[in-house]
Amino acid sequence: MVFASLAALAGCGAAPGEPSASPAADAVAAPTLDVQRLAFALDRPAAQPSVVADAAKARFVLSWQERDAEGCAVLRTAVLPAGGEIGEVRDVARGCDWFVNWADFPSVVIADNGDWWTYYLQKSGASTYAYDIRLVRSEDEGRTWSAPITPHDDRTPTEHGFVSMVPMGGDRVLLAWLDGRNTLPPAPAAGHDAHGAASGGHAHAEGPMSLRSAEIGRDFVLRHEQEVDGRVCSCCPTDLVRRDDEALLVYRDRSEDEIRDVHAASYRDGRWRLEGAVRTDGWRIEACPVNGPALAARGEAVVSVWPTMASGPLEVKAAAISGALGARVLEGGEGVLGRPDLAAWGDTAWLTVWLGAGAERATALRAAVLDADLQPTVTRDLALLPPGRGTGMPRVASLGREAIVVWTEPKGTEGPDARVGTVQVRRLRP
């Protein structure tokens, strides 16, 4: 199990998690975002938070992972009512053989019938990236959970993760994941050592990573199991949204000549249709950047944000999926890390968060409200964080004009606390 070490916040000039503010800048900023810190004291090291909106009950559901005294991982959840405080913390599952990673981590989805679904990642072999998805369901809002099942049947000791999930009506949810079953090297000829998973070594990714999906309901029967795309980037997060009886998926593709632009696929009546690039960046990179797209929908409108380095330093871009206009650059330059997320905001706007360039070599967790044309109307820094992987992937969910943002940061700026992660929660309102 790996919990990423968190370096000290060197020279940030602010308390842990709080950016330095410019009074003069605040005085002229209109409109703005109101940011409320929510009390959330965790006794154990915690990281990999996520948040989902439960519109039917006007609340949010938080999830995260902790490390206990034995060094094992614990997946936990809590309910946060709109306008309220974080409720009782409940355990989902615990494991000493989990794959715990800063970029590939659990989230919750709420089916239309009220069932909660989540998952954890369990090691399946000696290779670092040999792990399976273990899916569980709760019929009582997280009080008790089912026995786990695995939504893929290949039984290969390869990577299965970066899961996205959406409700698809009734008790059903749709999930999509990166699937490494085709990455194993060919079987060796008789009398030769495999030097891979079969011999306990590292199963090198010689074949392509694929993107697969399935639907599941209360009966735990997997339906419409299929491959969405046979060649995709191997470790970038994916995202899914539902639009009426259809779903839309974004992911980082991988062409034969190593162009890794963000692509979309649509799902209807149990079948996928590849829609091509969201926008053509032409980012050629011969390794996975571990930096994927985010997606949000409101009615017929669907918007994506994503990072790219096609033009040099990393840029965070935004575009409407079905629009003909080019992508808008939200931020670009040295020190920008990306890792964006996105949510609908009110009737016409969008709220996005990403890791941008901060002062004094820090990383700024940045939030921006985008108008209907994806022009930023409000931008605010929520925290100053150390650069690197320890801060993970910030996540945002919204209910109307209220949003919750979660992320990982160190407990302190120096000493032992600088290397211990905890989960931060903020409420955003106009």
Protein backbone atom coordinates (compact mmCIF):
# COMPACT_ATOMS: atom_id res chain seq x y z
CA MET A 1 0.00 0.00 0.00
CA VAL A 2 1.33 3.41 -0.95
CA PHE A 3 0.44 6.70 0.68
CA ALA A 4 2.40 9.43 -1.07
CA SER A 5 4.70 11.48 1.16
CA LEU A 6 3.83 15.14 1.34
CA ALA A 7 6.68 17.62 1.26
CA ALA A 8 6.73 20.73 3.42
CA LEU A 9 4.99 23.88 2.20
CA ALA A 10 8.21 25.82 1.82
CA GLY A 11 7.90 29.59 1.65
CA CYS A 12 4.15 29.76 1.07
CA GLY A 13 3.75 32.67 3.46
CA ALA A 14 0.39 31.38 4.72
CA ALA A 15 -1.09 28.90 7.14
CA PRO A 16 -1.40 25.33 5.84
CA GLY A 17 -4.02 25.16 3.11
CA GLU A 18 -4.76 28.90 2.99
CA PRO A 19 -3.40 31.06 0.18
CA SER A 20 -1.99 34.50 0.76
CA ALA A 21 -4.66 37.02 -0.19
CA SER A 22 -4.29 40.48 -1.66
CA PRO A 23 -6.72 42.89 0.06
CA ALA A 24 -6.50 45.28 -2.85
CA ALA A 25 -7.32 42.56 -5.33
CA ASP A 26 -10.24 41.36 -3.21
CA ALA A 27 -11.60 44.88 -2.98
CA VAL A 28 -12.06 45.17 -6.72
CA ALA A 29 -13.12 41.59 -7.41
CA ALA A 30 -16.79 41.43 -8.35
CA PRO A 31 -18.44 39.03 -8.46
CA THR A 32 -16.62 36.65 -6.13
CA LEU A 33 -16.81 33.26 -4.48
CA ASP A 34 -17.58 32.77 -0.80
CA VAL A 35 -15.39 29.97 0.59
CA GLN A 36 -16.28 28.26 3.87
CA ARG A 37 -13.90 25.87 5.61
CA LEU A 38 -15.80 22.86 7.01
CA ALA A 39 -14.61 21.23 10.21
CA PHE A 40 -13.29 17.77 9.40
CA ALA A 41 -10.79 16.46 11.94
CA LEU A 42 -9.38 13.02 11.10
CA ASP A 43 -7.13 11.22 13.58
CA ARG A 44 -5.37 9.01 11.03
CA PRO A 45 -3.46 9.80 7.83
CA ALA A 46 -6.07 10.40 5.12
CA ALA A 47 -5.97 11.05 1.39
CA GLN A 48 -7.68 10.40 -1.98
CA PRO A 49 -10.96 12.21 -1.23
CA SER A 50 -13.88 12.39 -3.63
CA VAL A 51 -17.35 13.96 -3.48
CA VAL A 52 -20.65 13.34 -5.26
CA ALA A 53 -23.91 15.31 -5.20
CA ASP A 54 -27.13 13.57 -4.12
CA ALA A 55 -29.68 15.92 -5.68
CA ALA A 56 -32.69 13.85 -4.57
CA LYS A 57 -31.85 14.53 -0.91
CA ALA A 58 -30.08 17.89 -1.26
CA ARG A 59 -26.77 16.65 0.10
CA PHE A 60 -23.27 15.52 -0.79
CA VAL A 61 -21.52 12.22 -0.07
CA LEU A 62 -17.81 12.32 0.73
CA SER A 63 -15.42 9.38 0.41
CA TRP A 64 -11.72 9.01 1.21
CA GLN A 65 -9.10 6.49 2.33
CA GLU A 66 -7.24 6.34 5.64
CA ARG A 67 -4.29 4.34 6.91
CA ASP A 68 -4.76 2.57 10.25
CA ALA A 69 -2.20 1.65 12.91
CA GLU A 70 -1.44 -1.68 11.17
CA GLY A 71 -0.68 0.11 7.91
CA CYS A 72 -3.86 -1.15 6.24
CA ALA A 73 -6.24 0.95 4.16
CA VAL A 74 -9.77 1.90 5.22
CA LEU A 75 -12.34 3.31 2.79
CA ARG A 76 -14.79 5.66 4.55
CA THR A 77 -17.79 7.85 3.73
CA ALA A 78 -19.76 10.69 5.32
CA VAL A 79 -22.87 12.67 4.38
CA LEU A 80 -22.76 16.46 4.06
CA PRO A 81 -26.19 18.15 3.85
CA ALA A 82 -26.42 21.25 1.66
CA GLY A 83 -25.70 24.16 3.97
CA GLY A 84 -24.96 21.80 6.87
CA GLU A 85 -22.04 20.12 8.60
CA ILE A 86 -20.34 16.82 7.89
CA GLY A 87 -22.18 13.92 9.49
CA GLU A 88 -21.19 10.57 10.95
CA VAL A 89 -18.15 8.88 9.42
CA ARG A 90 -18.77 5.26 8.37
CA ASP A 91 -16.45 2.53 7.17
CA VAL A 92 -17.01 0.82 3.83
CA ALA A 93 -14.20 -1.75 3.87
CA ARG A 94 -10.67 -2.36 5.10
CA GLY A 95 -7.77 -4.18 3.45
CA CYS A 96 -4.08 -4.81 3.89
CA ASP A 97 -3.62 -5.88 0.26
CA TRP A 98 -5.12 -2.86 -1.48
CA PHE A 99 -3.57 -0.76 -4.20
CA VAL A 100 -3.70 2.80 -2.80
CA ASN A 101 -2.57 5.48 -5.21
CA TRP A 102 -2.66 9.27 -5.47
CA ALA A 103 -4.29 9.26 -8.93
CA ASP A 104 -6.39 6.06 -9.01
CA PHE A 105 -8.84 6.03 -6.10
CA PRO A 106 -12.47 5.25 -5.16
CA SER A 107 -15.58 7.39 -5.60
CA VAL A 108 -19.29 6.90 -4.87
CA VAL A 109 -22.25 6.84 -7.26
CA ILE A 110 -25.90 6.98 -6.17
CA ALA A 111 -28.37 5.00 -8.26
CA ASP A 112 -31.82 6.39 -8.99
CA ASN A 113 -33.33 3.97 -6.44
CA GLY A 114 -31.05 5.35 -3.71
CA ASP A 115 -28.46 2.57 -3.60
CA TRP A 116 -24.87 3.63 -3.09
CA TRP A 117 -22.10 1.97 -5.09
CA THR A 118 -18.37 2.32 -4.56
CA TYR A 119 -15.23 0.24 -5.00
CA TYR A 120 -11.68 -0.29 -3.86
CA LEU A 121 -8.62 -1.61 -5.66
CA GLN A 122 -7.16 -4.93 -4.48
CA LYS A 123 -3.78 -6.35 -5.45
CA SER A 124 -3.94 -9.39 -7.75
CA GLY A 125 -0.28 -10.20 -8.30
CA ALA A 126 3.33 -9.34 -7.53
CA SER A 127 3.58 -6.63 -10.17
CA THR A 128 3.20 -3.08 -8.85
CA TYR A 129 0.24 -2.40 -11.11
CA ALA A 130 -1.51 -5.75 -10.83
CA TYR A 131 -4.83 -4.98 -9.16
CA ASP A 132 -8.56 -5.60 -9.53
CA ILE A 133 -11.66 -3.48 -9.05
CA ARG A 134 -13.77 -4.67 -6.09
CA LEU A 135 -17.28 -3.25 -6.36
CA VAL A 136 -19.67 -3.00 -3.36
CA ARG A 137 -23.23 -1.74 -2.83
CA SER A 138 -25.13 -0.28 0.12
CA GLU A 139 -28.93 -0.30 0.36
CA ASP A 140 -28.97 1.76 3.58
CA GLU A 141 -26.89 4.85 2.73
CA GLY A 142 -23.54 3.49 3.82
CA ARG A 143 -24.46 1.76 7.08
CA THR A 144 -23.80 -1.72 5.68
CA TRP A 145 -22.19 -2.94 2.48
CA SER A 146 -22.46 -6.01 0.29
CA ALA A 147 -19.74 -8.54 -0.35
CA PRO A 148 -17.49 -7.30 -3.20
CA ILE A 149 -17.61 -8.46 -6.80
CA THR A 150 -15.16 -7.89 -9.65
CA PRO A 151 -16.71 -6.36 -12.78
CA HIS A 152 -14.05 -7.80 -15.10
CA ASP A 153 -13.62 -11.55 -15.66
CA ASP A 154 -10.21 -11.75 -17.36
CA ARG A 155 -8.34 -12.74 -14.16
CA THR A 156 -5.07 -11.34 -15.46
CA PRO A 157 -2.59 -9.85 -12.97
CA THR A 158 -2.74 -6.46 -14.68
CA GLU A 159 -4.06 -2.98 -14.02
CA HIS A 160 -7.81 -2.45 -13.67
CA GLY A 161 -8.75 0.97 -12.38
CA PHE A 162 -9.43 4.64 -13.06
CA VAL A 163 -13.13 3.89 -12.71
CA SER A 164 -15.95 6.30 -13.59
CA MET A 165 -19.59 5.59 -12.67
CA VAL A 166 -23.03 7.12 -13.35
CA PRO A 167 -26.61 6.05 -12.57
CA MET A 168 -28.51 4.67 -15.56
CA GLY A 169 -32.06 4.41 -14.22
CA GLY A 170 -33.70 2.34 -11.47
CA ASP A 171 -31.14 0.24 -9.62
CA ARG A 172 -28.60 0.26 -12.45
CA VAL A 173 -25.26 2.02 -12.70
CA LEU A 174 -22.84 2.20 -15.61
CA LEU A 175 -19.13 1.93 -14.94
CA ALA A 176 -16.14 2.36 -17.24
CA TRP A 177 -12.54 1.53 -16.39
CA LEU A 178 -9.05 1.15 -17.80
CA ASP A 179 -8.38 -2.54 -18.34
CA GLY A 180 -4.91 -4.05 -18.72
CA ARG A 181 -5.82 -7.56 -19.85
CA ASN A 182 -4.16 -7.00 -23.23
CA THR A 183 -0.96 -5.54 -21.80
CA LEU A 184 0.57 -8.87 -20.81
CA PRO A 185 3.49 -10.00 -22.96
CA PRO A 186 2.89 -13.02 -25.21
CA ALA A 187 3.13 -16.42 -23.59
CA PRO A 188 6.71 -17.80 -23.82
CA ALA A 189 7.62 -20.81 -25.88
CA ALA A 190 8.00 -24.11 -24.09
CA GLY A 191 11.08 -24.22 -21.89
CA HIS A 192 11.42 -20.45 -21.56
CA ASP A 193 10.84 -18.37 -18.45
CA ALA A 194 7.97 -15.89 -18.71
CA HIS A 195 9.76 -13.12 -16.75
CA GLY A 196 6.34 -11.68 -16.06
CA ALA A 197 3.29 -12.25 -13.92
CA ALA A 198 3.47 -16.04 -14.23
CA SER A 199 6.94 -16.08 -12.70
CA GLY A 200 6.16 -13.48 -10.08
CA GLY A 201 8.01 -10.67 -11.86
CA HIS A 202 6.75 -7.46 -13.37
CA ALA A 203 4.26 -7.87 -16.21
CA HIS A 204 5.52 -5.18 -18.56
CA ALA A 205 2.85 -3.33 -20.52
CA GLU A 206 3.75 -4.68 -23.96
CA GLY A 207 0.21 -4.61 -25.34
CA PRO A 208 -2.25 -1.70 -25.34
CA MET A 209 -4.35 -0.58 -22.42
CA SER A 210 -8.07 -0.84 -23.23
CA LEU A 211 -11.16 0.97 -21.97
CA ARG A 212 -14.06 -1.28 -20.95
CA SER A 213 -17.53 -0.89 -19.43
CA ALA A 214 -20.49 -2.74 -17.97
CA GLU A 215 -23.86 -2.05 -16.33
CA ILE A 216 -24.80 -3.57 -12.98
CA GLY A 217 -27.86 -3.55 -10.71
CA ARG A 218 -29.09 -4.99 -7.42
CA ASP A 219 -28.92 -8.52 -8.78
CA PHE A 220 -25.15 -8.08 -9.32
CA VAL A 221 -25.51 -9.32 -12.89
CA LEU A 222 -23.13 -7.61 -15.30
CA ARG A 223 -24.83 -6.47 -18.50
CA HIS A 224 -23.56 -4.99 -21.76
CA GLU A 225 -19.96 -5.89 -20.94
CA GLN A 226 -17.80 -4.60 -23.76
CA GLU A 227 -14.66 -2.88 -24.91
CA VAL A 228 -15.17 0.83 -25.54
CA ASP A 229 -11.76 1.55 -27.08
CA GLY A 230 -8.95 -0.94 -27.61
CA ARG A 231 -6.02 1.48 -27.30
CA VAL A 232 -6.00 4.27 -24.69
CA CYS A 233 -3.55 6.02 -22.40
CA SER A 234 -2.61 3.70 -19.56
CA CYS A 235 -3.07 5.76 -16.40
CA CYS A 236 -5.12 8.93 -16.96
CA PRO A 237 -8.42 9.39 -15.10
CA THR A 238 -11.66 9.09 -17.06
CA ASP A 239 -15.02 10.81 -16.48
CA LEU A 240 -18.66 9.94 -17.15
CA VAL A 241 -21.89 11.96 -17.15
CA ARG A 242 -25.49 10.98 -17.73
CA ARG A 243 -27.81 12.90 -20.03
CA ASP A 244 -31.37 11.52 -19.91
CA ASP A 245 -31.10 7.89 -21.11
CA GLU A 246 -27.63 8.35 -22.56
CA ALA A 247 -24.15 8.60 -21.05
CA LEU A 248 -21.05 10.41 -22.27
CA LEU A 249 -17.49 9.36 -21.45
CA VAL A 250 -14.20 11.25 -21.86
CA TYR A 251 -10.75 9.69 -21.69
CA ARG A 252 -7.22 10.15 -23.00
CA ASP A 253 -6.74 8.22 -26.22
CA ARG A 254 -3.46 6.83 -27.56
CA SER A 255 -2.86 6.66 -31.30
CA GLU A 256 -0.31 4.42 -32.99
CA ASP A 257 2.06 7.41 -33.26
CA GLU A 258 1.59 8.36 -29.59
CA ILE A 259 -0.86 11.27 -29.96
CA ARG A 260 -2.73 11.34 -26.64
CA ASP A 261 -5.60 13.80 -27.08
CA VAL A 262 -8.84 13.65 -25.09
CA HIS A 263 -11.59 11.68 -26.83
CA ALA A 264 -15.29 11.16 -26.15
CA ALA A 265 -17.67 8.21 -26.51
CA SER A 266 -21.46 8.14 -26.16
CA TYR A 267 -23.56 5.29 -24.73
CA ARG A 268 -27.17 4.47 -25.55
CA ASP A 269 -29.19 1.25 -25.40
CA GLY A 270 -26.19 -0.74 -24.23
CA ARG A 271 -23.90 0.31 -27.09
CA TRP A 272 -20.96 2.71 -27.35
CA ARG A 273 -20.22 5.07 -30.20
CA LEU A 274 -16.76 6.64 -30.49
CA GLU A 275 -17.10 10.39 -31.06
CA GLY A 276 -13.44 11.24 -31.69
CA ALA A 277 -11.34 14.00 -30.17
CA VAL A 278 -13.06 16.61 -28.02
CA ARG A 279 -10.64 19.04 -29.66
CA THR A 280 -7.52 18.20 -31.65
CA ASP A 281 -4.49 19.23 -29.61
CA GLY A 282 -1.93 16.90 -31.19
CA TRP A 283 -0.13 16.17 -27.93
CA ARG A 284 2.52 13.59 -28.73
CA ILE A 285 4.01 11.99 -25.65
CA GLU A 286 5.53 8.52 -25.29
CA ALA A 287 4.45 8.05 -21.68
CA CYS A 288 1.25 8.47 -19.75
CA PRO A 289 1.05 11.96 -18.19
CA VAL A 290 -1.35 10.78 -15.41
CA ASN A 291 -3.51 13.83 -16.12
CA GLY A 292 -6.97 13.21 -17.51
CA PRO A 293 -10.14 15.10 -18.48
CA ALA A 294 -13.21 16.06 -16.48
CA LEU A 295 -16.79 16.32 -17.68
CA ALA A 296 -20.03 17.98 -16.51
CA ALA A 297 -23.54 18.15 -17.96
CA ARG A 298 -26.65 20.28 -17.54
CA GLY A 299 -29.57 19.53 -19.80
CA GLU A 300 -28.24 19.27 -23.35
CA ALA A 301 -25.06 21.16 -22.54
CA VAL A 302 -21.90 19.12 -21.85
CA VAL A 303 -18.51 20.69 -21.13
CA SER A 304 -15.08 19.16 -20.66
CA VAL A 305 -11.87 20.51 -19.15
CA TRP A 306 -8.53 18.82 -19.69
CA PRO A 307 -4.75 19.34 -19.49
CA THR A 308 -2.42 19.26 -22.47
CA MET A 309 1.20 20.06 -23.29
CA ALA A 310 0.77 20.06 -27.06
CA SER A 311 2.02 23.66 -27.31
CA GLY A 312 4.78 23.54 -24.68
CA PRO A 313 4.14 24.17 -20.95
CA LEU A 314 1.03 22.55 -19.56
CA GLU A 315 -2.30 24.24 -20.31
CA VAL A 316 -5.74 23.65 -18.82
CA LYS A 317 -8.38 23.91 -21.54
CA ALA A 318 -12.18 23.94 -21.64
CA ALA A 319 -14.65 23.33 -24.46
CA ALA A 320 -18.24 22.34 -25.09
CA ILE A 321 -18.38 18.76 -26.31
CA SER A 322 -20.77 19.45 -29.17
CA GLY A 323 -19.62 22.98 -29.95
CA ALA A 324 -17.70 24.08 -33.01
CA LEU A 325 -15.64 26.72 -31.22
CA GLY A 326 -12.04 26.11 -30.29
CA ALA A 327 -10.98 25.33 -26.75
CA ARG A 328 -10.48 28.13 -24.24
CA VAL A 329 -7.21 28.13 -22.30
CA LEU A 330 -7.96 28.66 -18.59
CA GLU A 331 -4.31 28.71 -17.51
CA GLY A 332 -0.98 27.76 -19.00
CA GLY A 333 2.69 28.05 -18.17
CA GLU A 334 5.43 26.79 -15.92
CA GLY A 335 4.20 25.43 -12.61
CA VAL A 336 0.72 24.48 -13.85
CA LEU A 337 -0.06 20.86 -12.87
CA GLY A 338 -3.61 20.46 -14.22
CA ARG A 339 -5.58 17.56 -12.65
CA PRO A 340 -8.90 19.38 -13.25
CA ASP A 341 -12.46 18.68 -12.19
CA LEU A 342 -15.72 20.31 -13.25
CA ALA A 343 -19.34 20.76 -12.15
CA ALA A 344 -22.43 22.62 -13.39
CA TRP A 345 -22.97 25.91 -11.53
CA GLY A 346 -26.44 27.44 -11.42
CA ASP A 347 -28.53 27.72 -14.58
CA THR A 348 -25.88 28.60 -17.14
CA ALA A 349 -22.40 28.62 -15.58
CA TRP A 350 -19.74 26.02 -14.76
CA LEU A 351 -17.38 25.65 -11.81
CA THR A 352 -13.95 24.15 -12.38
CA VAL A 353 -10.94 23.48 -10.15
CA TRP A 354 -7.37 22.63 -11.06
CA LEU A 355 -3.82 22.86 -9.76
CA GLY A 356 -2.23 25.99 -11.14
CA ALA A 357 0.96 27.95 -10.66
CA GLY A 358 1.32 29.55 -7.23
CA ALA A 359 3.70 32.02 -5.65
CA GLU A 360 7.01 30.99 -4.11
CA ARG A 361 7.09 27.72 -6.09
CA ALA A 362 3.91 26.49 -4.42
CA THR A 363 0.98 24.98 -6.27
CA ALA A 364 -2.30 26.90 -6.18
CA LEU A 365 -5.58 25.01 -5.94
CA ARG A 366 -7.57 27.30 -8.20
CA ALA A 367 -11.35 27.57 -8.68
CA ALA A 368 -13.02 29.45 -11.52
CA VAL A 369 -16.60 30.16 -12.51
CA LEU A 370 -17.06 29.96 -16.28
CA ASP A 371 -19.96 31.63 -18.06
CA ALA A 372 -21.97 30.01 -20.84
CA ASP A 373 -19.16 30.87 -23.29
CA LEU A 374 -16.61 29.30 -20.89
CA GLN A 375 -15.09 32.68 -20.14
CA PRO A 376 -13.87 32.86 -16.50
CA THR A 377 -15.89 35.42 -14.57
CA VAL A 378 -14.52 34.64 -11.10
CA THR A 379 -11.21 33.04 -10.18
CA ARG A 380 -10.10 32.32 -6.62
CA ASP A 381 -7.26 30.35 -5.05
CA LEU A 382 -8.51 27.95 -2.37
CA ALA A 383 -5.15 26.75 -1.04
CA LEU A 384 -1.41 26.81 -1.54
CA LEU A 385 0.01 23.30 -1.70
CA PRO A 386 3.40 21.67 -2.21
CA PRO A 387 4.07 20.60 -5.80
CA GLY A 388 4.13 16.90 -6.56
CA ARG A 389 1.85 13.91 -6.38
CA GLY A 390 1.03 14.05 -2.66
CA THR A 391 -1.77 16.56 -3.20
CA GLY A 392 -3.55 14.10 -5.48
CA MET A 393 -6.54 15.08 -7.58
CA PRO A 394 -8.93 17.79 -6.25
CA ARG A 395 -12.61 16.99 -6.72
CA VAL A 396 -15.75 19.16 -6.93
CA ALA A 397 -19.51 18.48 -6.92
CA SER A 398 -22.39 20.96 -6.98
CA LEU A 399 -26.06 21.39 -6.14
CA GLY A 400 -27.34 24.48 -7.89
CA ARG A 401 -25.19 27.36 -6.66
CA GLU A 402 -23.52 25.46 -3.82
CA ALA A 403 -20.43 23.36 -4.39
CA ILE A 404 -18.12 21.20 -2.30
CA VAL A 405 -14.41 20.94 -3.10
CA VAL A 406 -12.19 18.27 -1.50
CA TRP A 407 -8.46 17.67 -1.68
CA THR A 408 -5.44 16.26 0.18
CA GLU A 409 -2.86 18.43 1.90
CA PRO A 410 -0.24 18.07 4.65
CA LYS A 411 -1.27 18.49 8.27
CA GLY A 412 1.54 20.99 8.79
CA THR A 413 4.33 22.92 7.11
CA GLU A 414 7.29 21.30 8.88
CA GLY A 415 8.28 18.37 11.07
CA PRO A 416 6.41 15.04 11.09
CA ASP A 417 3.08 16.68 10.17
CA ALA A 418 4.51 17.85 6.85
CA ARG A 419 4.60 14.23 5.66
CA VAL A 420 1.15 13.21 6.91
CA GLY A 421 -1.84 13.81 4.64
CA THR A 422 -5.30 14.90 5.67
CA VAL A 423 -8.50 15.72 3.79
CA GLN A 424 -9.72 19.28 3.35
CA VAL A 425 -13.33 20.23 2.60
CA ARG A 426 -14.61 23.65 1.45
CA ARG A 427 -18.09 24.92 0.61
CA LEU A 428 -18.29 27.41 -2.26
CA ARG A 429 -21.15 29.82 -2.87
CA PRO A 430 -21.55 33.01 -4.93
